Amino acid sequence: MGVESDEQYRQGTGRMTDQVQNREESLREALRVVIDPEIGMNVVELGLIRGIEIHEDRAHITMIMTTPFCPYAPQLLEQVRRTAQEFLNLPTTIEMGLEMWDPSMMEDGAADDWGLF
């Protein structure tokens, strides 16, 4: 956890930021169960989860696909949304980002299995 300034401590904002960050990290771990069926790797290690916003009453995830016309896109988007909603116990929306996926977005070491890097 980061070091809080006196002002952050009084306002509780430092701890709140750490709590949100921990919740996002925990959600990323929970999303590892969602596997891309064509590649056989999970959406987190592929780097497909591009943004997570967690609010008190809802959550929002931005996700991309490995290819623009991925035939599994609807299934993957819904599985990520449902997994996040069940994990957080919050209504969750998901959006498909327009960013083009690149193998460099994968977690460190994940591309080694492919012999890419």
N, C-alpha and C. Protein backbone atom coordinates (compact mmCIF):
# COMPACT_ATOMS: atom_id res chain seq x y z
N MET A 1 0.83 -1.18 0.00
CA MET A 1 0.00 0.00 0.00
C MET A 1 0.88 1.24 0.00
N GLY A 2 0.36 2.30 -0.62
CA GLY A 2 1.11 3.55 -0.70
C GLY A 2 1.12 4.29 0.62
N VAL A 3 1.99 5.28 0.69
CA VAL A 3 2.08 6.13 1.88
C VAL A 3 1.06 7.24 1.72
N GLU A 4 0.25 7.45 2.74
CA GLU A 4 -0.78 8.47 2.71
C GLU A 4 -0.26 9.76 3.30
N SER A 5 -0.66 10.89 2.69
CA SER A 5 -0.35 12.17 3.29
C SER A 5 -1.33 12.39 4.45
N ASP A 6 -1.02 13.37 5.32
CA ASP A 6 -1.93 13.67 6.42
C ASP A 6 -3.32 14.05 5.91
N GLU A 7 -3.35 14.83 4.83
CA GLU A 7 -4.62 15.26 4.27
C GLU A 7 -5.42 14.06 3.73
N GLN A 8 -4.73 13.15 3.03
CA GLN A 8 -5.40 11.96 2.52
C GLN A 8 -5.94 11.12 3.67
N TYR A 9 -5.16 11.01 4.75
CA TYR A 9 -5.59 10.20 5.88
C TYR A 9 -6.85 10.79 6.50
N ARG A 10 -6.87 12.13 6.68
CA ARG A 10 -8.04 12.78 7.28
C ARG A 10 -9.27 12.60 6.39
N GLN A 11 -9.08 12.70 5.07
CA GLN A 11 -10.21 12.59 4.15
C GLN A 11 -10.54 11.14 3.81
N GLY A 12 -9.62 10.24 4.10
CA GLY A 12 -9.84 8.83 3.79
C GLY A 12 -9.61 8.49 2.34
N THR A 13 -9.11 9.45 1.53
CA THR A 13 -8.96 9.20 0.10
C THR A 13 -7.82 8.26 -0.21
N GLY A 14 -6.76 8.28 0.57
CA GLY A 14 -5.63 7.38 0.32
C GLY A 14 -6.03 5.94 0.49
N ARG A 15 -6.71 5.66 1.58
CA ARG A 15 -7.17 4.30 1.82
C ARG A 15 -8.20 3.86 0.80
N MET A 16 -9.07 4.77 0.39
CA MET A 16 -10.10 4.45 -0.59
C MET A 16 -9.45 4.07 -1.91
N THR A 17 -8.43 4.80 -2.31
CA THR A 17 -7.74 4.49 -3.56
C THR A 17 -7.12 3.10 -3.48
N ASP A 18 -6.49 2.77 -2.36
CA ASP A 18 -5.90 1.45 -2.18
C ASP A 18 -6.97 0.36 -2.22
N GLN A 19 -8.14 0.63 -1.60
CA GLN A 19 -9.21 -0.36 -1.59
C GLN A 19 -9.73 -0.61 -3.01
N VAL A 20 -9.90 0.47 -3.78
CA VAL A 20 -10.37 0.33 -5.15
C VAL A 20 -9.35 -0.44 -5.97
N GLN A 21 -8.08 -0.10 -5.81
CA GLN A 21 -7.02 -0.79 -6.55
C GLN A 21 -6.98 -2.28 -6.19
N ASN A 22 -7.11 -2.59 -4.91
CA ASN A 22 -7.13 -4.00 -4.49
C ASN A 22 -8.34 -4.73 -5.07
N ARG A 23 -9.47 -4.05 -5.13
CA ARG A 23 -10.68 -4.67 -5.68
C ARG A 23 -10.51 -4.92 -7.17
N GLU A 24 -9.88 -3.98 -7.88
CA GLU A 24 -9.63 -4.16 -9.31
C GLU A 24 -8.67 -5.33 -9.54
N GLU A 25 -7.64 -5.41 -8.74
CA GLU A 25 -6.69 -6.52 -8.87
C GLU A 25 -7.37 -7.86 -8.57
N SER A 26 -8.22 -7.88 -7.56
CA SER A 26 -8.96 -9.11 -7.23
C SER A 26 -9.90 -9.51 -8.37
N LEU A 27 -10.54 -8.50 -8.98
CA LEU A 27 -11.42 -8.78 -10.11
C LEU A 27 -10.62 -9.34 -11.29
N ARG A 28 -9.46 -8.77 -11.56
CA ARG A 28 -8.62 -9.30 -12.65
C ARG A 28 -8.28 -10.78 -12.39
N GLU A 29 -7.99 -11.11 -11.15
CA GLU A 29 -7.71 -12.52 -10.81
C GLU A 29 -8.94 -13.38 -11.06
N ALA A 30 -10.12 -12.88 -10.69
CA ALA A 30 -11.36 -13.64 -10.89
C ALA A 30 -11.65 -13.84 -12.38
N LEU A 31 -11.26 -12.89 -13.21
CA LEU A 31 -11.52 -12.97 -14.65
C LEU A 31 -10.61 -13.96 -15.36
N ARG A 32 -9.62 -14.48 -14.67
CA ARG A 32 -8.71 -15.47 -15.28
C ARG A 32 -9.42 -16.78 -15.64
N VAL A 33 -10.64 -16.97 -15.14
CA VAL A 33 -11.38 -18.19 -15.50
C VAL A 33 -11.98 -18.10 -16.90
N VAL A 34 -12.01 -16.89 -17.47
CA VAL A 34 -12.59 -16.71 -18.80
C VAL A 34 -11.48 -16.97 -19.84
N ILE A 35 -11.66 -18.05 -20.59
CA ILE A 35 -10.65 -18.50 -21.54
C ILE A 35 -11.09 -18.20 -22.97
N ASP A 36 -10.19 -17.65 -23.77
CA ASP A 36 -10.44 -17.48 -25.19
C ASP A 36 -10.38 -18.87 -25.83
N PRO A 37 -11.50 -19.38 -26.36
CA PRO A 37 -11.51 -20.76 -26.84
C PRO A 37 -10.61 -21.02 -28.04
N GLU A 38 -10.33 -20.01 -28.84
CA GLU A 38 -9.46 -20.21 -30.00
C GLU A 38 -8.00 -20.30 -29.61
N ILE A 39 -7.61 -19.53 -28.60
CA ILE A 39 -6.20 -19.44 -28.23
C ILE A 39 -5.88 -20.33 -27.03
N GLY A 40 -6.87 -20.55 -26.18
CA GLY A 40 -6.66 -21.39 -25.01
C GLY A 40 -5.97 -20.68 -23.86
N MET A 41 -6.00 -19.36 -23.86
CA MET A 41 -5.42 -18.57 -22.77
C MET A 41 -6.51 -17.67 -22.22
N ASN A 42 -6.33 -17.23 -20.95
CA ASN A 42 -7.38 -16.41 -20.35
C ASN A 42 -7.28 -14.95 -20.81
N VAL A 43 -8.39 -14.24 -20.65
CA VAL A 43 -8.51 -12.87 -21.16
C VAL A 43 -7.56 -11.90 -20.45
N VAL A 44 -7.18 -12.20 -19.22
CA VAL A 44 -6.27 -11.32 -18.50
C VAL A 44 -4.85 -11.48 -19.03
N GLU A 45 -4.38 -12.71 -19.16
CA GLU A 45 -3.01 -12.89 -19.65
C GLU A 45 -2.86 -12.47 -21.11
N LEU A 46 -3.94 -12.50 -21.87
CA LEU A 46 -3.90 -12.01 -23.24
C LEU A 46 -3.89 -10.47 -23.30
N GLY A 47 -4.25 -9.82 -22.20
CA GLY A 47 -4.28 -8.35 -22.17
C GLY A 47 -5.54 -7.78 -22.78
N LEU A 48 -6.62 -8.56 -22.79
CA LEU A 48 -7.86 -8.10 -23.40
C LEU A 48 -8.67 -7.17 -22.50
N ILE A 49 -8.45 -7.23 -21.20
CA ILE A 49 -9.16 -6.34 -20.27
C ILE A 49 -8.39 -5.02 -20.26
N ARG A 50 -8.98 -3.98 -20.83
CA ARG A 50 -8.28 -2.72 -21.01
C ARG A 50 -8.66 -1.67 -19.97
N GLY A 51 -9.78 -1.85 -19.31
CA GLY A 51 -10.18 -0.88 -18.30
C GLY A 51 -11.22 -1.45 -17.35
N ILE A 52 -11.09 -1.08 -16.08
CA ILE A 52 -12.06 -1.49 -15.06
C ILE A 52 -12.41 -0.27 -14.23
N GLU A 53 -13.69 -0.01 -14.11
CA GLU A 53 -14.18 1.07 -13.24
C GLU A 53 -15.15 0.44 -12.24
N ILE A 54 -14.85 0.59 -10.97
CA ILE A 54 -15.72 0.05 -9.93
C ILE A 54 -16.24 1.21 -9.09
N HIS A 55 -17.55 1.34 -9.06
CA HIS A 55 -18.22 2.36 -8.27
C HIS A 55 -18.97 1.67 -7.14
N GLU A 56 -19.55 2.46 -6.26
CA GLU A 56 -20.28 1.88 -5.12
C GLU A 56 -21.47 1.04 -5.58
N ASP A 57 -22.11 1.48 -6.67
CA ASP A 57 -23.36 0.84 -7.08
C ASP A 57 -23.30 0.13 -8.43
N ARG A 58 -22.13 0.14 -9.08
CA ARG A 58 -22.02 -0.48 -10.41
C ARG A 58 -20.56 -0.63 -10.80
N ALA A 59 -20.34 -1.40 -11.87
CA ALA A 59 -18.99 -1.56 -12.42
C ALA A 59 -19.08 -1.50 -13.94
N HIS A 60 -17.95 -1.14 -14.55
CA HIS A 60 -17.87 -1.07 -16.01
C HIS A 60 -16.52 -1.60 -16.45
N ILE A 61 -16.52 -2.44 -17.48
CA ILE A 61 -15.29 -3.03 -18.00
C ILE A 61 -15.18 -2.71 -19.48
N THR A 62 -13.98 -2.34 -19.90
CA THR A 62 -13.68 -2.17 -21.32
C THR A 62 -12.77 -3.32 -21.72
N MET A 63 -13.14 -3.98 -22.80
CA MET A 63 -12.43 -5.17 -23.25
C MET A 63 -12.25 -5.11 -24.76
N ILE A 64 -11.16 -5.69 -25.24
CA ILE A 64 -10.94 -5.79 -26.68
C ILE A 64 -10.84 -7.26 -27.07
N MET A 65 -10.85 -7.52 -28.36
CA MET A 65 -10.69 -8.87 -28.87
C MET A 65 -9.34 -9.00 -29.56
N THR A 66 -8.89 -10.22 -29.77
CA THR A 66 -7.60 -10.43 -30.44
C THR A 66 -7.71 -10.13 -31.93
N THR A 67 -8.90 -10.27 -32.51
CA THR A 67 -9.12 -9.92 -33.91
C THR A 67 -10.43 -9.15 -34.01
N PRO A 68 -10.53 -8.23 -34.98
CA PRO A 68 -11.75 -7.41 -35.09
C PRO A 68 -13.03 -8.21 -35.31
N PHE A 69 -12.93 -9.35 -35.97
CA PHE A 69 -14.13 -10.13 -36.27
C PHE A 69 -14.13 -11.46 -35.53
N CYS A 70 -13.71 -11.43 -34.29
CA CYS A 70 -13.64 -12.64 -33.47
C CYS A 70 -15.03 -13.27 -33.39
N PRO A 71 -15.16 -14.52 -33.80
CA PRO A 71 -16.48 -15.17 -33.76
C PRO A 71 -16.97 -15.42 -32.33
N TYR A 72 -16.06 -15.39 -31.36
CA TYR A 72 -16.44 -15.64 -29.97
C TYR A 72 -16.67 -14.36 -29.18
N ALA A 73 -16.61 -13.21 -29.83
CA ALA A 73 -16.74 -11.93 -29.12
C ALA A 73 -17.99 -11.84 -28.25
N PRO A 74 -19.19 -12.12 -28.75
CA PRO A 74 -20.37 -12.01 -27.89
C PRO A 74 -20.28 -12.92 -26.66
N GLN A 75 -19.81 -14.14 -26.85
CA GLN A 75 -19.69 -15.09 -25.74
C GLN A 75 -18.66 -14.61 -24.72
N LEU A 76 -17.50 -14.14 -25.18
CA LEU A 76 -16.45 -13.67 -24.26
C LEU A 76 -16.88 -12.43 -23.50
N LEU A 77 -17.50 -11.48 -24.20
CA LEU A 77 -17.98 -10.27 -23.54
C LEU A 77 -18.99 -10.60 -22.44
N GLU A 78 -19.94 -11.47 -22.75
CA GLU A 78 -20.96 -11.83 -21.76
C GLU A 78 -20.36 -12.62 -20.60
N GLN A 79 -19.43 -13.50 -20.89
CA GLN A 79 -18.81 -14.29 -19.83
C GLN A 79 -18.00 -13.39 -18.89
N VAL A 80 -17.29 -12.41 -19.44
CA VAL A 80 -16.54 -11.46 -18.60
C VAL A 80 -17.51 -10.63 -17.77
N ARG A 81 -18.58 -10.13 -18.40
CA ARG A 81 -19.56 -9.31 -17.68
C ARG A 81 -20.19 -10.09 -16.54
N ARG A 82 -20.61 -11.31 -16.83
CA ARG A 82 -21.27 -12.15 -15.82
C ARG A 82 -20.31 -12.52 -14.69
N THR A 83 -19.10 -12.88 -15.03
CA THR A 83 -18.10 -13.25 -14.02
C THR A 83 -17.82 -12.07 -13.11
N ALA A 84 -17.66 -10.88 -13.68
CA ALA A 84 -17.40 -9.68 -12.89
C ALA A 84 -18.59 -9.34 -12.00
N GLN A 85 -19.79 -9.42 -12.57
CA GLN A 85 -21.00 -9.10 -11.80
C GLN A 85 -21.16 -10.03 -10.61
N GLU A 86 -20.93 -11.31 -10.81
CA GLU A 86 -21.04 -12.28 -9.72
C GLU A 86 -19.95 -12.07 -8.67
N PHE A 87 -18.73 -11.76 -9.12
CA PHE A 87 -17.61 -11.56 -8.19
C PHE A 87 -17.82 -10.30 -7.35
N LEU A 88 -18.22 -9.21 -8.01
CA LEU A 88 -18.38 -7.92 -7.31
C LEU A 88 -19.72 -7.78 -6.62
N ASN A 89 -20.70 -8.59 -7.04
CA ASN A 89 -22.06 -8.45 -6.54
C ASN A 89 -22.61 -7.06 -6.85
N LEU A 90 -22.28 -6.58 -8.06
CA LEU A 90 -22.73 -5.27 -8.53
C LEU A 90 -23.20 -5.41 -9.97
N PRO A 91 -24.20 -4.61 -10.37
CA PRO A 91 -24.55 -4.59 -11.79
C PRO A 91 -23.32 -4.16 -12.59
N THR A 92 -23.03 -4.89 -13.66
CA THR A 92 -21.81 -4.63 -14.42
C THR A 92 -22.14 -4.49 -15.90
N THR A 93 -21.59 -3.46 -16.51
CA THR A 93 -21.71 -3.27 -17.95
C THR A 93 -20.36 -3.53 -18.58
N ILE A 94 -20.39 -3.86 -19.87
CA ILE A 94 -19.14 -4.13 -20.58
C ILE A 94 -19.21 -3.45 -21.93
N GLU A 95 -18.07 -2.95 -22.35
CA GLU A 95 -18.00 -2.31 -23.66
C GLU A 95 -16.83 -2.89 -24.42
N MET A 96 -17.02 -3.05 -25.72
CA MET A 96 -15.94 -3.55 -26.56
C MET A 96 -15.16 -2.35 -27.06
N GLY A 97 -13.91 -2.25 -26.60
CA GLY A 97 -13.05 -1.16 -27.03
C GLY A 97 -12.64 -1.30 -28.48
N LEU A 98 -12.20 -0.20 -29.06
CA LEU A 98 -11.82 -0.18 -30.46
C LEU A 98 -10.32 -0.34 -30.67
N GLU A 99 -9.58 -0.40 -29.59
CA GLU A 99 -8.13 -0.54 -29.66
C GLU A 99 -7.78 -1.87 -30.34
N MET A 100 -6.79 -1.85 -31.22
CA MET A 100 -6.35 -3.07 -31.89
C MET A 100 -5.44 -3.86 -30.96
N TRP A 101 -5.70 -5.15 -30.81
CA TRP A 101 -4.88 -6.00 -29.96
C TRP A 101 -3.55 -6.28 -30.64
N ASP A 102 -2.53 -6.40 -29.80
CA ASP A 102 -1.18 -6.69 -30.27
C ASP A 102 -0.56 -7.66 -29.27
N PRO A 103 0.22 -8.63 -29.71
CA PRO A 103 0.81 -9.60 -28.78
C PRO A 103 1.62 -8.96 -27.65
N SER A 104 2.10 -7.73 -27.84
CA SER A 104 2.86 -7.06 -26.78
C SER A 104 1.96 -6.69 -25.60
N MET A 105 0.65 -6.77 -25.75
CA MET A 105 -0.30 -6.47 -24.67
C MET A 105 -0.41 -7.63 -23.68
N MET A 106 0.13 -8.80 -24.06
CA MET A 106 0.04 -9.97 -23.18
C MET A 106 0.87 -9.75 -21.93
N GLU A 107 0.49 -10.44 -20.85
CA GLU A 107 1.29 -10.39 -19.63
C GLU A 107 2.70 -10.88 -19.90
N ASP A 108 3.63 -10.39 -19.10
CA ASP A 108 5.01 -10.85 -19.23
C ASP A 108 5.07 -12.36 -19.13
N GLY A 109 5.75 -12.99 -20.07
CA GLY A 109 5.92 -14.43 -20.06
C GLY A 109 4.83 -15.20 -20.76
N ALA A 110 3.64 -14.59 -20.94
CA ALA A 110 2.53 -15.32 -21.56
C ALA A 110 2.82 -15.64 -23.02
N ALA A 111 3.52 -14.77 -23.70
CA ALA A 111 3.81 -14.98 -25.11
C ALA A 111 4.92 -16.01 -25.32
N ASP A 112 5.64 -16.34 -24.26
CA ASP A 112 6.72 -17.33 -24.39
C ASP A 112 6.20 -18.66 -24.90
N ASP A 113 4.99 -19.03 -24.46
CA ASP A 113 4.40 -20.30 -24.91
C ASP A 113 4.17 -20.31 -26.41
N TRP A 114 3.99 -19.13 -26.99
CA TRP A 114 3.77 -19.02 -28.42
C TRP A 114 5.08 -18.91 -29.19
N GLY A 115 6.17 -18.63 -28.47
CA GLY A 115 7.45 -18.40 -29.13
C GLY A 115 7.49 -17.07 -29.84
N LEU A 116 6.70 -16.10 -29.37
CA LEU A 116 6.64 -14.80 -30.03
C LEU A 116 7.76 -13.87 -29.62
N PHE A 117 8.14 -13.90 -28.35
CA PHE A 117 9.13 -12.95 -27.86
C PHE A 117 10.25 -13.67 -27.16
